Amino acid sequence: GLGWARTGREVPMGPGDTLLLVTDGLVERRGEDIETGLGRLRRAAGA
């Protein structure tokens, strides 16, 4: 709704690759930088 020109990005997706999409309720914590939460998610995503 802010009138931005969106540009799509293409990335490879090979057999067995898994895409993970989440909302911020999973990673955000009070008093913590969002990057810290994203790092925690990245480490756990190997499961």
PDB file of all heavy atoms in Angstrom:
ATOM      1  N   GLY A   1       0.776  -1.226   0.000  1.00  0.00           N
ATOM      2  CA  GLY A   1       0.000   0.000   0.000  1.00  0.00           C
ATOM      3  C   GLY A   1       0.804   1.270   0.000  1.00  0.00           C
ATOM      4  O   GLY A   1       0.236   2.362   0.071  1.00  0.00           O
ATOM      5  N   LEU A   2       2.141   1.147  -0.088  1.00  0.00           N
ATOM      6  CA  LEU A   2       2.981   2.341  -0.056  1.00  0.00           C
ATOM      7  C   LEU A   2       3.524   2.704  -1.430  1.00  0.00           C
ATOM      8  O   LEU A   2       4.452   3.505  -1.563  1.00  0.00           O
ATOM      9  CB  LEU A   2       4.136   2.147   0.937  1.00  0.00           C
ATOM     10  CG  LEU A   2       3.699   1.923   2.394  1.00  0.00           C
ATOM     11  CD1 LEU A   2       4.915   1.777   3.296  1.00  0.00           C
ATOM     12  CD2 LEU A   2       2.829   3.087   2.871  1.00  0.00           C
ATOM     13  N   GLY A   3       2.962   2.086  -2.504  1.00  0.00           N
ATOM     14  CA  GLY A   3       3.309   2.471  -3.870  1.00  0.00           C
ATOM     15  C   GLY A   3       4.710   2.110  -4.285  1.00  0.00           C
ATOM     16  O   GLY A   3       5.350   2.852  -5.026  1.00  0.00           O
ATOM     17  N   TRP A   4       5.223   1.004  -3.855  1.00  0.00           N
ATOM     18  CA  TRP A   4       6.610   0.602  -4.123  1.00  0.00           C
ATOM     19  C   TRP A   4       6.654  -0.319  -5.339  1.00  0.00           C
ATOM     20  O   TRP A   4       5.797  -1.175  -5.500  1.00  0.00           O
ATOM     21  CB  TRP A   4       7.168  -0.127  -2.899  1.00  0.00           C
ATOM     22  CG  TRP A   4       8.674  -0.230  -2.871  1.00  0.00           C
ATOM     23  CD1 TRP A   4       9.417  -1.260  -3.360  1.00  0.00           C
ATOM     24  CD2 TRP A   4       9.586   0.701  -2.335  1.00  0.00           C
ATOM     25  NE1 TRP A   4      10.743  -1.028  -3.163  1.00  0.00           N
ATOM     26  CE2 TRP A   4      10.891   0.189  -2.517  1.00  0.00           C
ATOM     27  CE3 TRP A   4       9.443   1.948  -1.717  1.00  0.00           C
ATOM     28  CZ2 TRP A   4      12.028   0.854  -2.109  1.00  0.00           C
ATOM     29  CZ3 TRP A   4      10.579   2.608  -1.300  1.00  0.00           C
ATOM     30  CH2 TRP A   4      11.859   2.072  -1.498  1.00  0.00           C
ATOM     31  N   ALA A   5       7.655  -0.174  -6.147  1.00  0.00           N
ATOM     32  CA  ALA A   5       7.824  -1.077  -7.299  1.00  0.00           C
ATOM     33  C   ALA A   5       8.517  -2.342  -6.820  1.00  0.00           C
ATOM     34  O   ALA A   5       9.686  -2.308  -6.437  1.00  0.00           O
ATOM     35  CB  ALA A   5       8.653  -0.393  -8.379  1.00  0.00           C
ATOM     36  N   ARG A   6       7.808  -3.453  -6.828  1.00  0.00           N
ATOM     37  CA  ARG A   6       8.355  -4.708  -6.305  1.00  0.00           C
ATOM     38  C   ARG A   6       9.167  -5.437  -7.383  1.00  0.00           C
ATOM     39  O   ARG A   6       8.790  -5.453  -8.566  1.00  0.00           O
ATOM     40  CB  ARG A   6       7.229  -5.631  -5.840  1.00  0.00           C
ATOM     41  CG  ARG A   6       6.169  -4.944  -5.002  1.00  0.00           C
ATOM     42  CD  ARG A   6       6.664  -4.575  -3.615  1.00  0.00           C
ATOM     43  NE  ARG A   6       5.649  -3.846  -2.856  1.00  0.00           N
ATOM     44  CZ  ARG A   6       5.816  -3.416  -1.616  1.00  0.00           C
ATOM     45  NH1 ARG A   6       6.968  -3.605  -0.997  1.00  0.00           N
ATOM     46  NH2 ARG A   6       4.854  -2.755  -1.013  1.00  0.00           N
ATOM     47  N   THR A   7      10.239  -6.065  -6.964  1.00  0.00           N
ATOM     48  CA  THR A   7      11.088  -6.827  -7.880  1.00  0.00           C
ATOM     49  C   THR A   7      11.242  -8.243  -7.346  1.00  0.00           C
ATOM     50  O   THR A   7      11.694  -8.443  -6.208  1.00  0.00           O
ATOM     51  CB  THR A   7      12.484  -6.187  -8.012  1.00  0.00           C
ATOM     52  OG1 THR A   7      12.334  -4.842  -8.480  1.00  0.00           O
ATOM     53  CG2 THR A   7      13.335  -6.991  -8.994  1.00  0.00           C
ATOM     54  N   GLY A   8      10.870  -9.209  -8.156  1.00  0.00           N
ATOM     55  CA  GLY A   8      11.007 -10.598  -7.732  1.00  0.00           C
ATOM     56  C   GLY A   8      12.442 -11.073  -7.846  1.00  0.00           C
ATOM     57  O   GLY A   8      13.218 -10.578  -8.654  1.00  0.00           O
ATOM     58  N   ARG A   9      12.799 -12.045  -6.987  1.00  0.00           N
ATOM     59  CA  ARG A   9      14.137 -12.648  -7.025  1.00  0.00           C
ATOM     60  C   ARG A   9      13.977 -14.140  -7.271  1.00  0.00           C
ATOM     61  O   ARG A   9      13.053 -14.764  -6.750  1.00  0.00           O
ATOM     62  CB  ARG A   9      14.873 -12.421  -5.702  1.00  0.00           C
ATOM     63  CG  ARG A   9      15.176 -10.962  -5.407  1.00  0.00           C
ATOM     64  CD  ARG A   9      15.973 -10.860  -4.100  1.00  0.00           C
ATOM     65  NE  ARG A   9      16.419  -9.505  -3.813  1.00  0.00           N
ATOM     66  CZ  ARG A   9      15.722  -8.607  -3.144  1.00  0.00           C
ATOM     67  NH1 ARG A   9      14.515  -8.914  -2.697  1.00  0.00           N
ATOM     68  NH2 ARG A   9      16.209  -7.407  -2.939  1.00  0.00           N
ATOM     69  N   GLU A  10      14.903 -14.681  -8.023  1.00  0.00           N
ATOM     70  CA  GLU A  10      14.847 -16.106  -8.330  1.00  0.00           C
ATOM     71  C   GLU A  10      16.004 -16.813  -7.652  1.00  0.00           C
ATOM     72  O   GLU A  10      17.147 -16.368  -7.713  1.00  0.00           O
ATOM     73  CB  GLU A  10      14.901 -16.317  -9.850  1.00  0.00           C
ATOM     74  CG  GLU A  10      14.611 -17.749 -10.270  1.00  0.00           C
ATOM     75  CD  GLU A  10      14.439 -17.863 -11.773  1.00  0.00           C
ATOM     76  OE1 GLU A  10      13.354 -17.502 -12.281  1.00  0.00           O
ATOM     77  OE2 GLU A  10      15.411 -18.305 -12.439  1.00  0.00           O
ATOM     78  N   VAL A  11      15.694 -17.929  -6.998  1.00  0.00           N
ATOM     79  CA  VAL A  11      16.727 -18.723  -6.319  1.00  0.00           C
ATOM     80  C   VAL A  11      16.521 -20.175  -6.716  1.00  0.00           C
ATOM     81  O   VAL A  11      15.407 -20.609  -7.034  1.00  0.00           O
ATOM     82  CB  VAL A  11      16.645 -18.569  -4.790  1.00  0.00           C
ATOM     83  CG1 VAL A  11      16.900 -17.134  -4.367  1.00  0.00           C
ATOM     84  CG2 VAL A  11      15.313 -19.055  -4.263  1.00  0.00           C
ATOM     85  N   PRO A  12      17.609 -20.956  -6.744  1.00  0.00           N
ATOM     86  CA  PRO A  12      17.480 -22.374  -7.123  1.00  0.00           C
ATOM     87  C   PRO A  12      16.764 -23.176  -6.027  1.00  0.00           C
ATOM     88  O   PRO A  12      16.875 -22.889  -4.848  1.00  0.00           O
ATOM     89  CB  PRO A  12      18.928 -22.827  -7.292  1.00  0.00           C
ATOM     90  CG  PRO A  12      19.727 -21.892  -6.430  1.00  0.00           C
ATOM     91  CD  PRO A  12      19.019 -20.571  -6.496  1.00  0.00           C
ATOM     92  N   MET A  13      16.024 -24.192  -6.437  1.00  0.00           N
ATOM     93  CA  MET A  13      15.315 -25.070  -5.506  1.00  0.00           C
ATOM     94  C   MET A  13      15.466 -26.499  -6.020  1.00  0.00           C
ATOM     95  O   MET A  13      14.715 -26.954  -6.894  1.00  0.00           O
ATOM     96  CB  MET A  13      13.833 -24.683  -5.442  1.00  0.00           C
ATOM     97  CG  MET A  13      13.030 -25.425  -4.385  1.00  0.00           C
ATOM     98  SD  MET A  13      13.483 -24.912  -2.716  1.00  0.00           S
ATOM     99  CE  MET A  13      12.164 -25.719  -1.779  1.00  0.00           C
ATOM    100  N   GLY A  14      16.479 -27.180  -5.481  1.00  0.00           N
ATOM    101  CA  GLY A  14      16.767 -28.513  -5.948  1.00  0.00           C
ATOM    102  C   GLY A  14      15.945 -29.581  -5.245  1.00  0.00           C
ATOM    103  O   GLY A  14      15.226 -29.311  -4.279  1.00  0.00           O
ATOM    104  N   PRO A  15      15.984 -30.816  -5.691  1.00  0.00           N
ATOM    105  CA  PRO A  15      15.270 -31.919  -5.045  1.00  0.00           C
ATOM    106  C   PRO A  15      15.672 -32.046  -3.570  1.00  0.00           C
ATOM    107  O   PRO A  15      16.868 -32.011  -3.237  1.00  0.00           O
ATOM    108  CB  PRO A  15      15.699 -33.149  -5.856  1.00  0.00           C
ATOM    109  CG  PRO A  15      16.091 -32.605  -7.188  1.00  0.00           C
ATOM    110  CD  PRO A  15      16.715 -31.275  -6.906  1.00  0.00           C
ATOM    111  N   GLY A  16      14.698 -32.165  -2.696  1.00  0.00           N
ATOM    112  CA  GLY A  16      14.958 -32.290  -1.263  1.00  0.00           C
ATOM    113  C   GLY A  16      15.127 -30.972  -0.545  1.00  0.00           C
ATOM    114  O   GLY A  16      15.193 -30.941   0.703  1.00  0.00           O
ATOM    115  N   ASP A  17      15.229 -29.855  -1.289  1.00  0.00           N
ATOM    116  CA  ASP A  17      15.328 -28.546  -0.637  1.00  0.00           C
ATOM    117  C   ASP A  17      13.987 -28.190   0.010  1.00  0.00           C
ATOM    118  O   ASP A  17      12.915 -28.527  -0.514  1.00  0.00           O
ATOM    119  CB  ASP A  17      15.705 -27.464  -1.654  1.00  0.00           C
ATOM    120  CG  ASP A  17      17.166 -27.563  -2.087  1.00  0.00           C
ATOM    121  OD1 ASP A  17      17.907 -28.324  -1.430  1.00  0.00           O
ATOM    122  OD2 ASP A  17      17.539 -26.905  -3.072  1.00  0.00           O
ATOM    123  N   THR A  18      14.063 -27.473   1.141  1.00  0.00           N
ATOM    124  CA  THR A  18      12.854 -27.121   1.896  1.00  0.00           C
ATOM    125  C   THR A  18      12.816 -25.621   2.149  1.00  0.00           C
ATOM    126  O   THR A  18      13.786 -25.040   2.645  1.00  0.00           O
ATOM    127  CB  THR A  18      12.814 -27.853   3.258  1.00  0.00           C
ATOM    128  OG1 THR A  18      12.892 -29.258   3.029  1.00  0.00           O
ATOM    129  CG2 THR A  18      11.535 -27.540   4.020  1.00  0.00           C
ATOM    130  N   LEU A  19      11.717 -24.994   1.778  1.00  0.00           N
ATOM    131  CA  LEU A  19      11.509 -23.562   1.996  1.00  0.00           C
ATOM    132  C   LEU A  19      10.768 -23.363   3.317  1.00  0.00           C
ATOM    133  O   LEU A  19       9.791 -24.051   3.611  1.00  0.00           O
ATOM    134  CB  LEU A  19      10.678 -22.985   0.850  1.00  0.00           C
ATOM    135  CG  LEU A  19      10.225 -21.524   1.002  1.00  0.00           C
ATOM    136  CD1 LEU A  19      11.409 -20.580   0.829  1.00  0.00           C
ATOM    137  CD2 LEU A  19       9.123 -21.211  -0.021  1.00  0.00           C
ATOM    138  N   LEU A  20      11.224 -22.381   4.109  1.00  0.00           N
ATOM    139  CA  LEU A  20      10.591 -22.061   5.397  1.00  0.00           C
ATOM    140  C   LEU A  20      10.152 -20.603   5.400  1.00  0.00           C
ATOM    141  O   LEU A  20      10.967 -19.690   5.204  1.00  0.00           O
ATOM    142  CB  LEU A  20      11.569 -22.302   6.557  1.00  0.00           C
ATOM    143  CG  LEU A  20      11.138 -21.822   7.945  1.00  0.00           C
ATOM    144  CD1 LEU A  20       9.876 -22.554   8.410  1.00  0.00           C
ATOM    145  CD2 LEU A  20      12.260 -21.994   8.953  1.00  0.00           C
ATOM    146  N   LEU A  21       8.846 -20.383   5.622  1.00  0.00           N
ATOM    147  CA  LEU A  21       8.279 -19.042   5.734  1.00  0.00           C
ATOM    148  C   LEU A  21       7.632 -18.910   7.121  1.00  0.00           C
ATOM    149  O   LEU A  21       6.903 -19.813   7.546  1.00  0.00           O
ATOM    150  CB  LEU A  21       7.209 -18.807   4.658  1.00  0.00           C
ATOM    151  CG  LEU A  21       7.602 -19.088   3.207  1.00  0.00           C
ATOM    152  CD1 LEU A  21       6.376 -18.924   2.296  1.00  0.00           C
ATOM    153  CD2 LEU A  21       8.726 -18.165   2.756  1.00  0.00           C
ATOM    154  N   VAL A  22       7.867 -17.780   7.803  1.00  0.00           N
ATOM    155  CA  VAL A  22       7.305 -17.596   9.151  1.00  0.00           C
ATOM    156  C   VAL A  22       6.821 -16.163   9.321  1.00  0.00           C
ATOM    157  O   VAL A  22       7.179 -15.261   8.547  1.00  0.00           O
ATOM    158  CB  VAL A  22       8.343 -17.913  10.251  1.00  0.00           C
ATOM    159  CG1 VAL A  22       8.867 -19.324  10.133  1.00  0.00           C
ATOM    160  CG2 VAL A  22       9.498 -16.907  10.224  1.00  0.00           C
ATOM    161  N   THR A  23       6.024 -15.954  10.372  1.00  0.00           N
ATOM    162  CA  THR A  23       5.658 -14.598  10.796  1.00  0.00           C
ATOM    163  C   THR A  23       6.525 -14.180  11.977  1.00  0.00           C
ATOM    164  O   THR A  23       7.190 -15.016  12.613  1.00  0.00           O
ATOM    165  CB  THR A  23       4.175 -14.525  11.186  1.00  0.00           C
ATOM    166  OG1 THR A  23       3.905 -15.498  12.197  1.00  0.00           O
ATOM    167  CG2 THR A  23       3.283 -14.792   9.982  1.00  0.00           C
ATOM    168  N   ASP A  24       6.496 -12.888  12.277  1.00  0.00           N
ATOM    169  CA  ASP A  24       7.444 -12.371  13.268  1.00  0.00           C
ATOM    170  C   ASP A  24       7.173 -12.847  14.699  1.00  0.00           C
ATOM    171  O   ASP A  24       8.025 -12.733  15.575  1.00  0.00           O
ATOM    172  CB  ASP A  24       7.487 -10.842  13.232  1.00  0.00           C
ATOM    173  CG  ASP A  24       6.121 -10.214  13.446  1.00  0.00           C
ATOM    174  OD1 ASP A  24       5.181 -10.922  13.847  1.00  0.00           O
ATOM    175  OD2 ASP A  24       5.992  -8.988  13.202  1.00  0.00           O
ATOM    176  N   GLY A  25       5.966 -13.398  14.980  1.00  0.00           N
ATOM    177  CA  GLY A  25       5.689 -13.886  16.322  1.00  0.00           C
ATOM    178  C   GLY A  25       6.621 -15.005  16.747  1.00  0.00           C
ATOM    179  O   GLY A  25       6.783 -15.264  17.939  1.00  0.00           O
ATOM    180  N   LEU A  26       7.266 -15.675  15.754  1.00  0.00           N
ATOM    181  CA  LEU A  26       8.162 -16.766  16.083  1.00  0.00           C
ATOM    182  C   LEU A  26       9.545 -16.286  16.502  1.00  0.00           C
ATOM    183  O   LEU A  26      10.211 -16.947  17.301  1.00  0.00           O
ATOM    184  CB  LEU A  26       8.286 -17.707  14.872  1.00  0.00           C
ATOM    185  CG  LEU A  26       9.154 -18.954  15.063  1.00  0.00           C
ATOM    186  CD1 LEU A  26       8.579 -19.850  16.147  1.00  0.00           C
ATOM    187  CD2 LEU A  26       9.289 -19.723  13.753  1.00  0.00           C
ATOM    188  N   VAL A  27       9.969 -15.145  15.999  1.00  0.00           N
ATOM    189  CA  VAL A  27      11.362 -14.739  16.214  1.00  0.00           C
ATOM    190  C   VAL A  27      11.518 -13.505  17.093  1.00  0.00           C
ATOM    191  O   VAL A  27      12.569 -13.309  17.716  1.00  0.00           O
ATOM    192  CB  VAL A  27      12.068 -14.503  14.860  1.00  0.00           C
ATOM    193  CG1 VAL A  27      12.136 -15.796  14.078  1.00  0.00           C
ATOM    194  CG2 VAL A  27      11.366 -13.430  14.039  1.00  0.00           C
ATOM    195  N   GLU A  28      10.504 -12.645  17.141  1.00  0.00           N
ATOM    196  CA  GLU A  28      10.653 -11.407  17.900  1.00  0.00           C
ATOM    197  C   GLU A  28      10.509 -11.640  19.402  1.00  0.00           C
ATOM    198  O   GLU A  28       9.634 -12.394  19.836  1.00  0.00           O
ATOM    199  CB  GLU A  28       9.609 -10.376  17.454  1.00  0.00           C
ATOM    200  CG  GLU A  28       9.935  -9.729  16.129  1.00  0.00           C
ATOM    201  CD  GLU A  28       8.972  -8.581  15.817  1.00  0.00           C
ATOM    202  OE1 GLU A  28       7.884  -8.551  16.419  1.00  0.00           O
ATOM    203  OE2 GLU A  28       9.310  -7.742  14.966  1.00  0.00           O
ATOM    204  N   ARG A  29      11.365 -10.993  20.177  1.00  0.00           N
ATOM    205  CA  ARG A  29      11.282 -11.015  21.635  1.00  0.00           C
ATOM    206  C   ARG A  29      11.558  -9.608  22.153  1.00  0.00           C
ATOM    207  O   ARG A  29      12.359  -8.867  21.563  1.00  0.00           O
ATOM    208  CB  ARG A  29      12.283 -11.997  22.240  1.00  0.00           C
ATOM    209  CG  ARG A  29      12.005 -13.447  21.870  1.00  0.00           C
ATOM    210  CD  ARG A  29      12.939 -14.402  22.571  1.00  0.00           C
ATOM    211  NE  ARG A  29      12.726 -15.783  22.136  1.00  0.00           N
ATOM    212  CZ  ARG A  29      13.440 -16.820  22.554  1.00  0.00           C
ATOM    213  NH1 ARG A  29      14.429 -16.609  23.420  1.00  0.00           N
ATOM    214  NH2 ARG A  29      13.182 -18.034  22.118  1.00  0.00           N
ATOM    215  N   ARG A  30      10.890  -9.285  23.243  1.00  0.00           N
ATOM    216  CA  ARG A  30      11.056  -7.942  23.803  1.00  0.00           C
ATOM    217  C   ARG A  30      12.513  -7.702  24.213  1.00  0.00           C
ATOM    218  O   ARG A  30      13.147  -8.561  24.828  1.00  0.00           O
ATOM    219  CB  ARG A  30      10.145  -7.759  25.022  1.00  0.00           C
ATOM    220  CG  ARG A  30       8.673  -7.668  24.676  1.00  0.00           C
ATOM    221  CD  ARG A  30       7.859  -7.274  25.900  1.00  0.00           C
ATOM    222  NE  ARG A  30       6.437  -7.169  25.597  1.00  0.00           N
ATOM    223  CZ  ARG A  30       5.577  -8.160  25.727  1.00  0.00           C
ATOM    224  NH1 ARG A  30       6.002  -9.338  26.167  1.00  0.00           N
ATOM    225  NH2 ARG A  30       4.294  -8.007  25.442  1.00  0.00           N
ATOM    226  N   GLY A  31      12.992  -6.513  23.875  1.00  0.00           N
ATOM    227  CA  GLY A  31      14.344  -6.136  24.269  1.00  0.00           C
ATOM    228  C   GLY A  31      15.436  -6.812  23.476  1.00  0.00           C
ATOM    229  O   GLY A  31      16.604  -6.753  23.850  1.00  0.00           O
ATOM    230  N   GLU A  32      15.075  -7.454  22.357  1.00  0.00           N
ATOM    231  CA  GLU A  32      16.056  -8.191  21.572  1.00  0.00           C
ATOM    232  C   GLU A  32      16.007  -7.731  20.126  1.00  0.00           C
ATOM    233  O   GLU A  32      14.929  -7.510  19.575  1.00  0.00           O
ATOM    234  CB  GLU A  32      15.759  -9.692  21.672  1.00  0.00           C
ATOM    235  CG  GLU A  32      16.740 -10.579  20.927  1.00  0.00           C
ATOM    236  CD  GLU A  32      16.375 -12.046  21.053  1.00  0.00           C
ATOM    237  OE1 GLU A  32      15.538 -12.514  20.251  1.00  0.00           O
ATOM    238  OE2 GLU A  32      16.912 -12.715  21.954  1.00  0.00           O
ATOM    239  N   ASP A  33      17.167  -7.616  19.515  1.00  0.00           N
ATOM    240  CA  ASP A  33      17.236  -7.227  18.110  1.00  0.00           C
ATOM    241  C   ASP A  33      16.666  -8.350  17.244  1.00  0.00           C
ATOM    242  O   ASP A  33      16.858  -9.534  17.523  1.00  0.00           O
ATOM    243  CB  ASP A  33      18.701  -6.948  17.729  1.00  0.00           C
ATOM    244  CG  ASP A  33      18.817  -6.436  16.297  1.00  0.00           C
ATOM    245  OD1 ASP A  33      18.580  -5.248  16.084  1.00  0.00           O
ATOM    246  OD2 ASP A  33      19.132  -7.264  15.420  1.00  0.00           O
ATOM    247  N   ILE A  34      15.962  -7.969  16.168  1.00  0.00           N
ATOM    248  CA  ILE A  34      15.321  -8.949  15.308  1.00  0.00           C
ATOM    249  C   ILE A  34      16.340  -9.897  14.679  1.00  0.00           C
ATOM    250  O   ILE A  34      16.047 -11.080  14.444  1.00  0.00           O
ATOM    251  CB  ILE A  34      14.481  -8.248  14.206  1.00  0.00           C
ATOM    252  CG1 ILE A  34      13.663  -9.271  13.403  1.00  0.00           C
ATOM    253  CG2 ILE A  34      15.378  -7.422  13.315  1.00  0.00           C
ATOM    254  CD1 ILE A  34      12.616  -9.979  14.208  1.00  0.00           C
ATOM    255  N   GLU A  35      17.544  -9.422  14.455  1.00  0.00           N
ATOM    256  CA  GLU A  35      18.569 -10.273  13.851  1.00  0.00           C
ATOM    257  C   GLU A  35      18.956 -11.418  14.770  1.00  0.00           C
ATOM    258  O   GLU A  35      19.322 -12.504  14.311  1.00  0.00           O
ATOM    259  CB  GLU A  35      19.806  -9.442  13.482  1.00  0.00           C
ATOM    260  CG  GLU A  35      19.604  -8.524  12.287  1.00  0.00           C
ATOM    261  CD  GLU A  35      19.279  -9.317  11.013  1.00  0.00           C
ATOM    262  OE1 GLU A  35      19.820 -10.438  10.846  1.00  0.00           O
ATOM    263  OE2 GLU A  35      18.498  -8.820  10.187  1.00  0.00           O
ATOM    264  N   THR A  36      18.883 -11.173  16.068  1.00  0.00           N
ATOM    265  CA  THR A  36      19.178 -12.246  17.016  1.00  0.00           C
ATOM    266  C   THR A  36      18.157 -13.370  16.881  1.00  0.00           C
ATOM    267  O   THR A  36      18.489 -14.556  16.886  1.00  0.00           O
ATOM    268  CB  THR A  36      19.170 -11.707  18.459  1.00  0.00           C
ATOM    269  OG1 THR A  36      20.134 -10.650  18.565  1.00  0.00           O
ATOM    270  CG2 THR A  36      19.500 -12.801  19.461  1.00  0.00           C
ATOM    271  N   GLY A  37      16.893 -12.981  16.742  1.00  0.00           N
ATOM    272  CA  GLY A  37      15.850 -13.983  16.572  1.00  0.00           C
ATOM    273  C   GLY A  37      15.968 -14.731  15.261  1.00  0.00           C
ATOM    274  O   GLY A  37      15.749 -15.950  15.197  1.00  0.00           O
ATOM    275  N   LEU A  38      16.323 -14.016  14.187  1.00  0.00           N
ATOM    276  CA  LEU A  38      16.497 -14.670  12.895  1.00  0.00           C
ATOM    277  C   LEU A  38      17.677 -15.640  12.927  1.00  0.00           C
ATOM    278  O   LEU A  38      17.628 -16.717  12.309  1.00  0.00           O
ATOM    279  CB  LEU A  38      16.696 -13.621  11.807  1.00  0.00           C
ATOM    280  CG  LEU A  38      15.452 -12.798  11.447  1.00  0.00           C
ATOM    281  CD1 LEU A  38      15.813 -11.649  10.510  1.00  0.00           C
ATOM    282  CD2 LEU A  38      14.376 -13.692  10.808  1.00  0.00           C
ATOM    283  N   GLY A  39      18.722 -15.271  13.653  1.00  0.00           N
ATOM    284  CA  GLY A  39      19.863 -16.182  13.799  1.00  0.00           C
ATOM    285  C   GLY A  39      19.471 -17.446  14.548  1.00  0.00           C
ATOM    286  O   GLY A  39      19.913 -18.559  14.206  1.00  0.00           O
ATOM    287  N   ARG A  40      18.657 -17.281  15.570  1.00  0.00           N
ATOM    288  CA  ARG A  40      18.188 -18.441  16.330  1.00  0.00           C
ATOM    289  C   ARG A  40      17.344 -19.359  15.436  1.00  0.00           C
ATOM    290  O   ARG A  40      17.460 -20.585  15.497  1.00  0.00           O
ATOM    291  CB  ARG A  40      17.386 -17.942  17.532  1.00  0.00           C
ATOM    292  CG  ARG A  40      16.909 -19.023  18.464  1.00  0.00           C
ATOM    293  CD  ARG A  40      16.406 -18.441  19.785  1.00  0.00           C
ATOM    294  NE  ARG A  40      15.502 -17.330  19.579  1.00  0.00           N
ATOM    295  CZ  ARG A  40      15.760 -16.067  19.941  1.00  0.00           C
ATOM    296  NH1 ARG A  40      16.916 -15.755  20.518  1.00  0.00           N
ATOM    297  NH2 ARG A  40      14.882 -15.105  19.730  1.00  0.00           N
ATOM    298  N   LEU A  41      16.492 -18.756  14.593  1.00  0.00           N
ATOM    299  CA  LEU A  41      15.664 -19.545  13.689  1.00  0.00           C
ATOM    300  C   LEU A  41      16.525 -20.270  12.666  1.00  0.00           C
ATOM    301  O   LEU A  41      16.269 -21.447  12.347  1.00  0.00           O
ATOM    302  CB  LEU A  41      14.661 -18.629  12.985  1.00  0.00           C
ATOM    303  CG  LEU A  41      13.765 -19.288  11.935  1.00  0.00           C
ATOM    304  CD1 LEU A  41      12.917 -20.384  12.560  1.00  0.00           C
ATOM    305  CD2 LEU A  41      12.874 -18.241  11.258  1.00  0.00           C
ATOM    306  N   ARG A  42      17.537 -19.605  12.166  1.00  0.00           N
ATOM    307  CA  ARG A  42      18.397 -20.234  11.149  1.00  0.00           C
ATOM    308  C   ARG A  42      19.100 -21.460  11.728  1.00  0.00           C
ATOM    309  O   ARG A  42      19.197 -22.498  11.065  1.00  0.00           O
ATOM    310  CB  ARG A  42      19.422 -19.221  10.648  1.00  0.00           C
ATOM    311  CG  ARG A  42      20.332 -19.764   9.547  1.00  0.00           C
ATOM    312  CD  ARG A  42      21.200 -18.677   8.974  1.00  0.00           C
ATOM    313  NE  ARG A  42      21.948 -19.151   7.815  1.00  0.00           N
ATOM    314  CZ  ARG A  42      22.650 -18.361   7.001  1.00  0.00           C
ATOM    315  NH1 ARG A  42      22.674 -17.046   7.215  1.00  0.00           N
ATOM    316  NH2 ARG A  42      23.308 -18.874   5.977  1.00  0.00           N
ATOM    317  N   ARG A  43      19.562 -21.361  12.978  1.00  0.00           N
ATOM    318  CA  ARG A  43      20.241 -22.501  13.596  1.00  0.00           C
ATOM    319  C   ARG A  43      19.290 -23.674  13.821  1.00  0.00           C
ATOM    320  O   ARG A  43      19.674 -24.838  13.715  1.00  0.00           O
ATOM    321  CB  ARG A  43      20.870 -22.075  14.919  1.00  0.00           C
ATOM    322  CG  ARG A  43      22.063 -21.132  14.766  1.00  0.00           C
ATOM    323  CD  ARG A  43      22.776 -20.919  16.077  1.00  0.00           C
ATOM    324  NE  ARG A  43      21.934 -20.231  17.057  1.00  0.00           N
ATOM    325  CZ  ARG A  43      21.823 -18.907  17.156  1.00  0.00           C
ATOM    326  NH1 ARG A  43      22.494 -18.121  16.321  1.00  0.00           N
ATOM    327  NH2 ARG A  43      21.068 -18.371  18.091  1.00  0.00           N
ATOM    328  N   ALA A  44      18.042 -23.355  14.139  1.00  0.00           N
ATOM    329  CA  ALA A  44      17.070 -24.423  14.404  1.00  0.00           C
ATOM    330  C   ALA A  44      16.515 -25.026  13.128  1.00  0.00           C
ATOM    331  O   ALA A  44      16.033 -26.167  13.128  1.00  0.00           O
ATOM    332  CB  ALA A  44      15.920 -23.879  15.259  1.00  0.00           C
ATOM    333  N   ALA A  45      16.581 -24.299  12.019  1.00  0.00           N
ATOM    334  CA  ALA A  45      15.920 -24.735  10.786  1.00  0.00           C
ATOM    335  C   ALA A  45      16.523 -26.005  10.216  1.00  0.00           C
ATOM    336  O   ALA A  45      15.895 -26.684   9.392  1.00  0.00           O
ATOM    337  CB  ALA A  45      15.970 -23.623   9.746  1.00  0.00           C
ATOM    338  N   GLY A  46      17.729 -26.362  10.629  1.00  0.00           N
ATOM    339  CA  GLY A  46      18.348 -27.584  10.122  1.00  0.00           C
ATOM    340  C   GLY A  46      17.527 -28.825  10.424  1.00  0.00           C
ATOM    341  O   GLY A  46      17.691 -29.861   9.768  1.00  0.00           O
ATOM    342  N   ALA A  47      16.628 -28.740  11.412  1.00  0.00           N
ATOM    343  CA  ALA A  47      15.781 -29.887  11.751  1.00  0.00           C
ATOM    344  C   ALA A  47      14.846 -30.252  10.613  1.00  0.00           C
ATOM    345  O   ALA A  47      14.246 -31.337  10.611  1.00  0.00           O
ATOM    346  CB  ALA A  47      14.973 -29.576  13.017  1.00  0.00           C
TER     347      ALA A  47
END
